[in-house]
Amino acid sequence: MVGRLEADPGFGKATSLAIVGRKPTRPFALNTMSGDMNSSAFGSAGSKPGLVEQATGARFLAPTDEEWQAAIADCARRPAWPAPGSVAVTDERAIVCLSRR
């Protein structure tokens, strides 16, 4: 995800990260982190920037409520990850659309 965002010309100005939706890895919910390396953390909007930072070293702020609503609206018009166009940098906000919410 971060590699795709880095290719966007606006990436250097991105201060917040909104990862909208999620990709299920199992047909049923897991009760523990066993088996998925705690990717269930993607289920909480506030934990996503920190999880990306842990995995890649890229630092982002969590989006404000206004930025989050704008990202949800943006993802409604974008294809879901990993399709081209599923990531973007808009108004200093990095967006990854895992699903079309």
PDB file of N, CA and C in Angstrom:
ATOM      1  N   MET A   1       0.825  -1.188   0.000  1.00  0.00           N
ATOM      2  CA  MET A   1       0.000   0.000   0.000  1.00  0.00           C
ATOM      3  C   MET A   1       0.869   1.250   0.000  1.00  0.00           C
ATOM      4  N   VAL A   2       1.846   1.272   0.897  1.00  0.00           N
ATOM      5  CA  VAL A   2       2.679   2.462   0.999  1.00  0.00           C
ATOM      6  C   VAL A   2       3.480   2.651  -0.279  1.00  0.00           C
ATOM      7  N   GLY A   3       3.938   1.573  -0.879  1.00  0.00           N
ATOM      8  CA  GLY A   3       4.659   1.684  -2.143  1.00  0.00           C
ATOM      9  C   GLY A   3       3.810   2.333  -3.220  1.00  0.00           C
ATOM     10  N   ARG A   4       2.564   1.970  -3.284  1.00  0.00           N
ATOM     11  CA  ARG A   4       1.657   2.582  -4.268  1.00  0.00           C
ATOM     12  C   ARG A   4       1.407   4.048  -3.937  1.00  0.00           C
ATOM     13  N   LEU A   5       1.268   4.377  -2.643  1.00  0.00           N
ATOM     14  CA  LEU A   5       1.078   5.770  -2.256  1.00  0.00           C
ATOM     15  C   LEU A   5       2.317   6.597  -2.572  1.00  0.00           C
ATOM     16  N   GLU A   6       3.499   6.020  -2.351  1.00  0.00           N
ATOM     17  CA  GLU A   6       4.747   6.745  -2.612  1.00  0.00           C
ATOM     18  C   GLU A   6       4.884   7.144  -4.073  1.00  0.00           C
ATOM     19  N   ALA A   7       4.259   6.403  -4.968  1.00  0.00           N
ATOM     20  CA  ALA A   7       4.321   6.721  -6.398  1.00  0.00           C
ATOM     21  C   ALA A   7       3.462   7.932  -6.762  1.00  0.00           C
ATOM     22  N   ASP A   8       2.558   8.333  -5.873  1.00  0.00           N
ATOM     23  CA  ASP A   8       1.704   9.492  -6.128  1.00  0.00           C
ATOM     24  C   ASP A   8       2.526  10.766  -5.956  1.00  0.00           C
ATOM     25  N   PRO A   9       2.454  11.703  -6.900  1.00  0.00           N
ATOM     26  CA  PRO A   9       3.233  12.940  -6.795  1.00  0.00           C
ATOM     27  C   PRO A   9       2.958  13.749  -5.522  1.00  0.00           C
ATOM     28  N   GLY A  10       1.786  13.606  -4.926  1.00  0.00           N
ATOM     29  CA  GLY A  10       1.448  14.352  -3.719  1.00  0.00           C
ATOM     30  C   GLY A  10       1.874  13.686  -2.426  1.00  0.00           C
ATOM     31  N   PHE A  11       2.515  12.529  -2.513  1.00  0.00           N
ATOM     32  CA  PHE A  11       2.829  11.746  -1.311  1.00  0.00           C
ATOM     33  C   PHE A  11       3.643  12.528  -0.286  1.00  0.00           C
ATOM     34  N   GLY A  12       4.609  13.316  -0.733  1.00  0.00           N
ATOM     35  CA  GLY A  12       5.468  14.049   0.196  1.00  0.00           C
ATOM     36  C   GLY A  12       4.722  15.034   1.071  1.00  0.00           C
ATOM     37  N   LYS A  13       3.526  15.427   0.679  1.00  0.00           N
ATOM     38  CA  LYS A  13       2.719  16.374   1.454  1.00  0.00           C
ATOM     39  C   LYS A  13       1.670  15.682   2.323  1.00  0.00           C
ATOM     40  N   ALA A  14       1.547  14.358   2.198  1.00  0.00           N
ATOM     41  CA  ALA A  14       0.513  13.629   2.947  1.00  0.00           C
ATOM     42  C   ALA A  14       0.860  13.596   4.432  1.00  0.00           C
ATOM     43  N   THR A  15      -0.078  14.025   5.261  1.00  0.00           N
ATOM     44  CA  THR A  15       0.129  14.011   6.709  1.00  0.00           C
ATOM     45  C   THR A  15      -0.767  13.009   7.425  1.00  0.00           C
ATOM     46  N   SER A  16      -1.897  12.669   6.827  1.00  0.00           N
ATOM     47  CA  SER A  16      -2.806  11.707   7.458  1.00  0.00           C
ATOM     48  C   SER A  16      -3.072  10.551   6.502  1.00  0.00           C
ATOM     49  N   LEU A  17      -3.524   9.449   7.082  1.00  0.00           N
ATOM     50  CA  LEU A  17      -3.798   8.233   6.305  1.00  0.00           C
ATOM     51  C   LEU A  17      -5.176   7.708   6.664  1.00  0.00           C
ATOM     52  N   ALA A  18      -6.018   7.536   5.657  1.00  0.00           N
ATOM     53  CA  ALA A  18      -7.341   6.948   5.834  1.00  0.00           C
ATOM     54  C   ALA A  18      -7.379   5.642   5.051  1.00  0.00           C
ATOM     55  N   ILE A  19      -7.511   4.536   5.754  1.00  0.00           N
ATOM     56  CA  ILE A  19      -7.664   3.229   5.116  1.00  0.00           C
ATOM     57  C   ILE A  19      -9.118   2.845   5.318  1.00  0.00           C
ATOM     58  N   VAL A  20      -9.873   2.863   4.237  1.00  0.00           N
ATOM     59  CA  VAL A  20     -11.324   2.689   4.305  1.00  0.00           C
ATOM     60  C   VAL A  20     -11.689   1.243   3.976  1.00  0.00           C
ATOM     61  N   GLY A  21     -12.538   0.665   4.820  1.00  0.00           N
ATOM     62  CA  GLY A  21     -12.998  -0.706   4.604  1.00  0.00           C
ATOM     63  C   GLY A  21     -11.976  -1.720   5.066  1.00  0.00           C
ATOM     64  N   ARG A  22     -12.207  -2.956   4.682  1.00  0.00           N
ATOM     65  CA  ARG A  22     -11.260  -4.025   5.008  1.00  0.00           C
ATOM     66  C   ARG A  22     -11.481  -5.187   4.075  1.00  0.00           C
ATOM     67  N   LYS A  23     -10.440  -5.945   3.914  1.00  0.00           N
ATOM     68  CA  LYS A  23     -10.495  -7.157   3.106  1.00  0.00           C
ATOM     69  C   LYS A  23     -10.558  -8.340   4.070  1.00  0.00           C
ATOM     70  N   PRO A  24     -11.630  -9.093   4.073  1.00  0.00           N
ATOM     71  CA  PRO A  24     -11.677 -10.255   4.962  1.00  0.00           C
ATOM     72  C   PRO A  24     -10.668 -11.299   4.528  1.00  0.00           C
ATOM     73  N   THR A  25      -9.991 -11.891   5.512  1.00  0.00           N
ATOM     74  CA  THR A  25      -9.012 -12.938   5.215  1.00  0.00           C
ATOM     75  C   THR A  25      -9.566 -14.327   5.490  1.00  0.00           C
ATOM     76  N   ARG A  26     -10.669 -14.385   6.183  1.00  0.00           N
ATOM     77  CA  ARG A  26     -11.282 -15.665   6.535  1.00  0.00           C
ATOM     78  C   ARG A  26     -12.800 -15.532   6.359  1.00  0.00           C
ATOM     79  N   PRO A  27     -13.489 -16.627   6.111  1.00  0.00           N
ATOM     80  CA  PRO A  27     -14.943 -16.546   5.971  1.00  0.00           C
ATOM     81  C   PRO A  27     -15.659 -16.356   7.308  1.00  0.00           C
ATOM     82  N   PHE A  28     -14.923 -16.388   8.420  1.00  0.00           N
ATOM     83  CA  PHE A  28     -15.510 -16.185   9.741  1.00  0.00           C
ATOM     84  C   PHE A  28     -14.548 -15.334  10.565  1.00  0.00           C
ATOM     85  N   ALA A  29     -15.057 -14.685  11.586  1.00  0.00           N
ATOM     86  CA  ALA A  29     -14.229 -13.810  12.426  1.00  0.00           C
ATOM     87  C   ALA A  29     -13.266 -14.631  13.280  1.00  0.00           C
ATOM     88  N   LEU A  30     -12.048 -14.136  13.419  1.00  0.00           N
ATOM     89  CA  LEU A  30     -11.078 -14.773  14.303  1.00  0.00           C
ATOM     90  C   LEU A  30     -11.150 -14.118  15.678  1.00  0.00           C
ATOM     91  N   ASN A  31     -11.055 -14.917  16.714  1.00  0.00           N
ATOM     92  CA  ASN A  31     -11.124 -14.386  18.066  1.00  0.00           C
ATOM     93  C   ASN A  31      -9.768 -13.952  18.608  1.00  0.00           C
ATOM     94  N   THR A  32      -8.685 -14.354  17.961  1.00  0.00           N
ATOM     95  CA  THR A  32      -7.343 -14.001  18.421  1.00  0.00           C
ATOM     96  C   THR A  32      -6.518 -13.525  17.248  1.00  0.00           C
ATOM     97  N   MET A  33      -5.277 -13.134  17.542  1.00  0.00           N
ATOM     98  CA  MET A  33      -4.392 -12.718  16.466  1.00  0.00           C
ATOM     99  C   MET A  33      -3.776 -13.918  15.769  1.00  0.00           C
ATOM    100  N   SER A  34      -4.008 -15.104  16.251  1.00  0.00           N
ATOM    101  CA  SER A  34      -3.430 -16.309  15.670  1.00  0.00           C
ATOM    102  C   SER A  34      -3.805 -16.458  14.206  1.00  0.00           C
ATOM    103  N   GLY A  35      -2.796 -16.640  13.373  1.00  0.00           N
ATOM    104  CA  GLY A  35      -3.052 -16.927  11.971  1.00  0.00           C
ATOM    105  C   GLY A  35      -3.077 -15.725  11.051  1.00  0.00           C
ATOM    106  N   ASP A  36      -3.307 -14.538  11.571  1.00  0.00           N
ATOM    107  CA  ASP A  36      -3.369 -13.392  10.659  1.00  0.00           C
ATOM    108  C   ASP A  36      -2.476 -12.240  11.094  1.00  0.00           C
ATOM    109  N   MET A  37      -1.561 -12.485  12.015  1.00  0.00           N
ATOM    110  CA  MET A  37      -0.612 -11.481  12.491  1.00  0.00           C
ATOM    111  C   MET A  37      -1.314 -10.206  12.951  1.00  0.00           C
ATOM    112  N   ASN A  38      -2.465 -10.371  13.536  1.00  0.00           N
ATOM    113  CA  ASN A  38      -3.263  -9.281  14.083  1.00  0.00           C
ATOM    114  C   ASN A  38      -3.701  -8.272  13.018  1.00  0.00           C
ATOM    115  N   SER A  39      -3.887  -8.729  11.800  1.00  0.00           N
ATOM    116  CA  SER A  39      -4.389  -7.811  10.782  1.00  0.00           C
ATOM    117  C   SER A  39      -5.807  -7.365  11.106  1.00  0.00           C
ATOM    118  N   SER A  40      -6.410  -7.966  12.128  1.00  0.00           N
ATOM    119  CA  SER A  40      -7.720  -7.504  12.569  1.00  0.00           C
ATOM    120  C   SER A  40      -7.640  -6.066  13.074  1.00  0.00           C
ATOM    121  N   ALA A  41      -6.433  -5.568  13.334  1.00  0.00           N
ATOM    122  CA  ALA A  41      -6.282  -4.169  13.733  1.00  0.00           C
ATOM    123  C   ALA A  41      -6.787  -3.244  12.639  1.00  0.00           C
ATOM    124  N   PHE A  42      -6.874  -3.722  11.391  1.00  0.00           N
ATOM    125  CA  PHE A  42      -7.432  -2.906  10.320  1.00  0.00           C
ATOM    126  C   PHE A  42      -8.926  -2.679  10.518  1.00  0.00           C
ATOM    127  N   GLY A  43      -9.553  -3.354  11.472  1.00  0.00           N
ATOM    128  CA  GLY A  43     -10.965  -3.165  11.738  1.00  0.00           C
ATOM    129  C   GLY A  43     -11.259  -1.866  12.478  1.00  0.00           C
ATOM    130  N   SER A  44     -10.260  -1.271  13.099  1.00  0.00           N
ATOM    131  CA  SER A  44     -10.427  -0.027  13.842  1.00  0.00           C
ATOM    132  C   SER A  44      -9.747   1.103  13.085  1.00  0.00           C
ATOM    133  N   ALA A  45     -10.511   2.123  12.733  1.00  0.00           N
ATOM    134  CA  ALA A  45      -9.970   3.235  11.935  1.00  0.00           C
ATOM    135  C   ALA A  45      -8.770   3.888  12.600  1.00  0.00           C
ATOM    136  N   GLY A  46      -8.810   4.068  13.897  1.00  0.00           N
ATOM    137  CA  GLY A  46      -7.728   4.751  14.594  1.00  0.00           C
ATOM    138  C   GLY A  46      -6.433   3.978  14.667  1.00  0.00           C
ATOM    139  N   SER A  47      -6.501   2.668  14.536  1.00  0.00           N
ATOM    140  CA  SER A  47      -5.281   1.864  14.649  1.00  0.00           C
ATOM    141  C   SER A  47      -4.545   1.698  13.322  1.00  0.00           C
ATOM    142  N   LYS A  48      -5.182   2.022  12.226  1.00  0.00           N
ATOM    143  CA  LYS A  48      -4.584   1.763  10.917  1.00  0.00           C
ATOM    144  C   LYS A  48      -3.291   2.523  10.656  1.00  0.00           C
ATOM    145  N   PRO A  49      -3.217   3.845  10.917  1.00  0.00           N
ATOM    146  CA  PRO A  49      -1.937   4.532  10.679  1.00  0.00           C
ATOM    147  C   PRO A  49      -0.795   3.949  11.510  1.00  0.00           C
ATOM    148  N   GLY A  50      -1.058   3.586  12.757  1.00  0.00           N
ATOM    149  CA  GLY A  50      -0.025   2.997  13.605  1.00  0.00           C
ATOM    150  C   GLY A  50       0.426   1.642  13.115  1.00  0.00           C
ATOM    151  N   LEU A  51      -0.494   0.845  12.623  1.00  0.00           N
ATOM    152  CA  LEU A  51      -0.149  -0.464  12.085  1.00  0.00           C
ATOM    153  C   LEU A  51       0.729  -0.312  10.842  1.00  0.00           C
ATOM    154  N   VAL A  52       0.397   0.647   9.987  1.00  0.00           N
ATOM    155  CA  VAL A  52       1.207   0.918   8.801  1.00  0.00           C
ATOM    156  C   VAL A  52       2.595   1.405   9.226  1.00  0.00           C
ATOM    157  N   GLU A  53       2.661   2.253  10.247  1.00  0.00           N
ATOM    158  CA  GLU A  53       3.953   2.739  10.731  1.00  0.00           C
ATOM    159  C   GLU A  53       4.807   1.584  11.254  1.00  0.00           C
ATOM    160  N   GLN A  54       4.210   0.682  12.025  1.00  0.00           N
ATOM    161  CA  GLN A  54       4.956  -0.469  12.540  1.00  0.00           C
ATOM    162  C   GLN A  54       5.508  -1.327  11.413  1.00  0.00           C
ATOM    163  N   ALA A  55       4.731  -1.511  10.379  1.00  0.00           N
ATOM    164  CA  ALA A  55       5.129  -2.398   9.292  1.00  0.00           C
ATOM    165  C   ALA A  55       6.124  -1.753   8.326  1.00  0.00           C
ATOM    166  N   THR A  56       6.025  -0.427   8.132  1.00  0.00           N
ATOM    167  CA  THR A  56       6.809   0.201   7.068  1.00  0.00           C
ATOM    168  C   THR A  56       7.711   1.344   7.526  1.00  0.00           C
ATOM    169  N   GLY A  57       7.453   1.909   8.686  1.00  0.00           N
ATOM    170  CA  GLY A  57       8.200   3.076   9.139  1.00  0.00           C
ATOM    171  C   GLY A  57       7.607   4.393   8.665  1.00  0.00           C
ATOM    172  N   ALA A  58       6.625   4.351   7.767  1.00  0.00           N
ATOM    173  CA  ALA A  58       5.972   5.571   7.280  1.00  0.00           C
ATOM    174  C   ALA A  58       5.064   6.115   8.376  1.00  0.00           C
ATOM    175  N   ARG A  59       5.190   7.396   8.698  1.00  0.00           N
ATOM    176  CA  ARG A  59       4.420   7.996   9.789  1.00  0.00           C
ATOM    177  C   ARG A  59       3.291   8.858   9.250  1.00  0.00           C
ATOM    178  N   PHE A  60       2.097   8.590   9.734  1.00  0.00           N
ATOM    179  CA  PHE A  60       0.906   9.354   9.367  1.00  0.00           C
ATOM    180  C   PHE A  60       0.094   9.627  10.617  1.00  0.00           C
ATOM    181  N   LEU A  61      -0.668  10.699  10.591  1.00  0.00           N
ATOM    182  CA  LEU A  61      -1.655  10.966  11.623  1.00  0.00           C
ATOM    183  C   LEU A  61      -2.950  10.262  11.251  1.00  0.00           C
ATOM    184  N   ALA A  62      -3.777   9.973  12.242  1.00  0.00           N
ATOM    185  CA  ALA A  62      -5.124   9.484  11.955  1.00  0.00           C
ATOM    186  C   ALA A  62      -5.910  10.648  11.356  1.00  0.00           C
ATOM    187  N   PRO A  63      -6.800  10.377  10.421  1.00  0.00           N
ATOM    188  CA  PRO A  63      -7.578  11.469   9.831  1.00  0.00           C
ATOM    189  C   PRO A  63      -8.551  12.073  10.843  1.00  0.00           C
ATOM    190  N   THR A  64      -8.834  13.357  10.666  1.00  0.00           N
ATOM    191  CA  THR A  64      -9.870  14.000  11.471  1.00  0.00           C
ATOM    192  C   THR A  64     -11.224  13.419  11.055  1.00  0.00           C
ATOM    193  N   ASP A  65     -12.255  13.711  11.809  1.00  0.00           N
ATOM    194  CA  ASP A  65     -13.599  13.233  11.437  1.00  0.00           C
ATOM    195  C   ASP A  65     -13.986  13.729  10.048  1.00  0.00           C
ATOM    196  N   GLU A  66     -13.675  14.992   9.761  1.00  0.00           N
ATOM    197  CA  GLU A  66     -13.998  15.558   8.453  1.00  0.00           C
ATOM    198  C   GLU A  66     -13.208  14.847   7.339  1.00  0.00           C
ATOM    199  N   GLU A  67     -11.920  14.601   7.573  1.00  0.00           N
ATOM    200  CA  GLU A  67     -11.103  13.891   6.583  1.00  0.00           C
ATOM    201  C   GLU A  67     -11.598  12.458   6.380  1.00  0.00           C
ATOM    202  N   TRP A  68     -12.013  11.822   7.485  1.00  0.00           N
ATOM    203  CA  TRP A  68     -12.503  10.439   7.411  1.00  0.00           C
ATOM    204  C   TRP A  68     -13.771  10.370   6.554  1.00  0.00           C
ATOM    205  N   GLN A  69     -14.709  11.287   6.768  1.00  0.00           N
ATOM    206  CA  GLN A  69     -15.942  11.297   5.982  1.00  0.00           C
ATOM    207  C   GLN A  69     -15.649  11.571   4.506  1.00  0.00           C
ATOM    208  N   ALA A  70     -14.685  12.466   4.240  1.00  0.00           N
ATOM    209  CA  ALA A  70     -14.294  12.749   2.855  1.00  0.00           C
ATOM    210  C   ALA A  70     -13.660  11.515   2.211  1.00  0.00           C
ATOM    211  N   ALA A  71     -12.866  10.777   2.971  1.00  0.00           N
ATOM    212  CA  ALA A  71     -12.233   9.562   2.444  1.00  0.00           C
ATOM    213  C   ALA A  71     -13.272   8.487   2.137  1.00  0.00           C
ATOM    214  N   ILE A  72     -14.260   8.338   2.992  1.00  0.00           N
ATOM    215  CA  ILE A  72     -15.337   7.366   2.749  1.00  0.00           C
ATOM    216  C   ILE A  72     -16.077   7.722   1.465  1.00  0.00           C
ATOM    217  N   ALA A  73     -16.390   9.002   1.298  1.00  0.00           N
ATOM    218  CA  ALA A  73     -17.077   9.445   0.078  1.00  0.00           C
ATOM    219  C   ALA A  73     -16.191   9.223  -1.148  1.00  0.00           C
ATOM    220  N   ASP A  74     -14.896   9.479  -1.014  1.00  0.00           N
ATOM    221  CA  ASP A  74     -13.965   9.274  -2.116  1.00  0.00           C
ATOM    222  C   ASP A  74     -13.897   7.791  -2.501  1.00  0.00           C
ATOM    223  N   CYS A  75     -13.838   6.917  -1.508  1.00  0.00           N
ATOM    224  CA  CYS A  75     -13.742   5.476  -1.790  1.00  0.00           C
ATOM    225  C   CYS A  75     -15.018   4.923  -2.417  1.00  0.00           C
ATOM    226  N   ALA A  76     -16.139   5.577  -2.191  1.00  0.00           N
ATOM    227  CA  ALA A  76     -17.383   5.139  -2.823  1.00  0.00           C
ATOM    228  C   ALA A  76     -17.306   5.286  -4.343  1.00  0.00           C
ATOM    229  N   ARG A  77     -16.397   6.157  -4.808  1.00  0.00           N
ATOM    230  CA  ARG A  77     -16.222   6.388  -6.245  1.00  0.00           C
ATOM    231  C   ARG A  77     -14.993   5.685  -6.818  1.00  0.00           C
ATOM    232  N   ARG A  78     -14.219   5.031  -5.972  1.00  0.00           N
ATOM    233  CA  ARG A  78     -12.980   4.389  -6.408  1.00  0.00           C
ATOM    234  C   ARG A  78     -13.131   2.869  -6.395  1.00  0.00           C
ATOM    235  N   PRO A  79     -12.296   2.183  -7.165  1.00  0.00           N
ATOM    236  CA  PRO A  79     -12.301   0.722  -7.092  1.00  0.00           C
ATOM    237  C   PRO A  79     -11.646   0.254  -5.792  1.00  0.00           C
ATOM    238  N   ALA A  80     -11.910  -0.971  -5.413  1.00  0.00           N
ATOM    239  CA  ALA A  80     -11.323  -1.535  -4.197  1.00  0.00           C
ATOM    240  C   ALA A  80      -9.914  -2.050  -4.470  1.00  0.00           C
ATOM    241  N   TRP A  81      -9.105  -2.043  -3.422  1.00  0.00           N
ATOM    242  CA  TRP A  81      -7.748  -2.570  -3.446  1.00  0.00           C
ATOM    243  C   TRP A  81      -7.764  -3.998  -3.954  1.00  0.00           C
ATOM    244  N   PRO A  82      -6.868  -4.384  -4.807  1.00  0.00           N
ATOM    245  CA  PRO A  82      -5.641  -3.737  -5.266  1.00  0.00           C
ATOM    246  C   PRO A  82      -5.755  -3.093  -6.646  1.00  0.00           C
ATOM    247  N   ALA A  83      -6.946  -2.788  -7.093  1.00  0.00           N
ATOM    248  CA  ALA A  83      -7.140  -2.220  -8.434  1.00  0.00           C
ATOM    249  C   ALA A  83      -6.424  -0.876  -8.572  1.00  0.00           C
ATOM    250  N   PRO A  84      -5.974  -0.561  -9.785  1.00  0.00           N
ATOM    251  CA  PRO A  84      -5.434   0.781 -10.015  1.00  0.00           C
ATOM    252  C   PRO A  84      -6.496   1.817  -9.654  1.00  0.00           C
ATOM    253  N   GLY A  85      -6.079   2.884  -8.989  1.00  0.00           N
ATOM    254  CA  GLY A  85      -7.019   3.911  -8.556  1.00  0.00           C
ATOM    255  C   GLY A  85      -7.548   3.699  -7.154  1.00  0.00           C
ATOM    256  N   SER A  86      -7.168   2.596  -6.506  1.00  0.00           N
ATOM    257  CA  SER A  86      -7.652   2.323  -5.151  1.00  0.00           C
ATOM    258  C   SER A  86      -6.855   3.059  -4.081  1.00  0.00           C
ATOM    259  N   VAL A  87      -5.764   3.714  -4.469  1.00  0.00           N
ATOM    260  CA  VAL A  87      -4.990   4.548  -3.547  1.00  0.00           C
ATOM    261  C   VAL A  87      -4.839   5.931  -4.168  1.00  0.00           C
ATOM    262  N   ALA A  88      -4.772   6.945  -3.317  1.00  0.00           N
ATOM    263  CA  ALA A  88      -4.628   8.314  -3.808  1.00  0.00           C
ATOM    264  C   ALA A  88      -4.125   9.204  -2.686  1.00  0.00           C
ATOM    265  N   VAL A  89      -3.591  10.351  -3.076  1.00  0.00           N
ATOM    266  CA  VAL A  89      -3.255  11.396  -2.117  1.00  0.00           C
ATOM    267  C   VAL A  89      -4.042  12.625  -2.539  1.00  0.00           C
ATOM    268  N   THR A  90      -4.898  13.102  -1.637  1.00  0.00           N
ATOM    269  CA  THR A  90      -5.774  14.237  -1.901  1.00  0.00           C
ATOM    270  C   THR A  90      -5.727  15.192  -0.716  1.00  0.00           C
ATOM    271  N   ASP A  91      -5.415  16.451  -0.978  1.00  0.00           N
ATOM    272  CA  ASP A  91      -5.437  17.468   0.085  1.00  0.00           C
ATOM    273  C   ASP A  91      -4.663  17.032   1.330  1.00  0.00           C
ATOM    274  N   GLU A  92      -3.440  16.570   1.142  1.00  0.00           N
ATOM    275  CA  GLU A  92      -2.558  16.148   2.238  1.00  0.00           C
ATOM    276  C   GLU A  92      -3.079  14.924   2.990  1.00  0.00           C
ATOM    277  N   ARG A  93      -3.981  14.179   2.375  1.00  0.00           N
ATOM    278  CA  ARG A  93      -4.544  12.968   2.986  1.00  0.00           C
ATOM    279  C   ARG A  93      -4.273  11.787   2.063  1.00  0.00           C
ATOM    280  N   ALA A  94      -3.584  10.789   2.599  1.00  0.00           N
ATOM    281  CA  ALA A  94      -3.383   9.555   1.847  1.00  0.00           C
ATOM    282  C   ALA A  94      -4.609   8.675   2.066  1.00  0.00           C
ATOM    283  N   ILE A  95      -5.106   8.069   0.993  1.00  0.00           N
ATOM    284  CA  ILE A  95      -6.313   7.243   1.065  1.00  0.00           C
ATOM    285  C   ILE A  95      -6.030   5.887   0.434  1.00  0.00           C
ATOM    286  N   VAL A  96      -6.431   4.825   1.131  1.00  0.00           N
ATOM    287  CA  VAL A  96      -6.404   3.475   0.584  1.00  0.00           C
ATOM    288  C   VAL A  96      -7.818   2.934   0.709  1.00  0.00           C
ATOM    289  N   CYS A  97      -8.380   2.502  -0.406  1.00  0.00           N
ATOM    290  CA  CYS A  97      -9.756   1.977  -0.415  1.00  0.00           C
ATOM    291  C   CYS A  97      -9.706   0.453  -0.478  1.00  0.00           C
ATOM    292  N   LEU A  98      -9.778  -0.197   0.691  1.00  0.00           N
ATOM    293  CA  LEU A  98      -9.773  -1.655   0.722  1.00  0.00           C
ATOM    294  C   LEU A  98     -11.085  -2.227   0.223  1.00  0.00           C
ATOM    295  N   SER A  99     -12.155  -1.475   0.425  1.00  0.00           N
ATOM    296  CA  SER A  99     -13.463  -1.883  -0.068  1.00  0.00           C
ATOM    297  C   SER A  99     -14.265  -0.622  -0.367  1.00  0.00           C
ATOM    298  N   ARG A 100     -15.339  -0.785  -1.088  1.00  0.00           N
ATOM    299  CA  ARG A 100     -16.197   0.367  -1.442  1.00  0.00           C
ATOM    300  C   ARG A 100     -17.273   0.519  -0.409  1.00  0.00           C
ATOM    301  N   ARG A 101     -16.981   0.827   0.744  1.00  0.00           N
ATOM    302  CA  ARG A 101     -17.820   0.952   1.934  1.00  0.00           C
ATOM    303  C   ARG A 101     -19.258   1.115   1.675  1.00  0.00           C
TER     304      ARG A 101
END
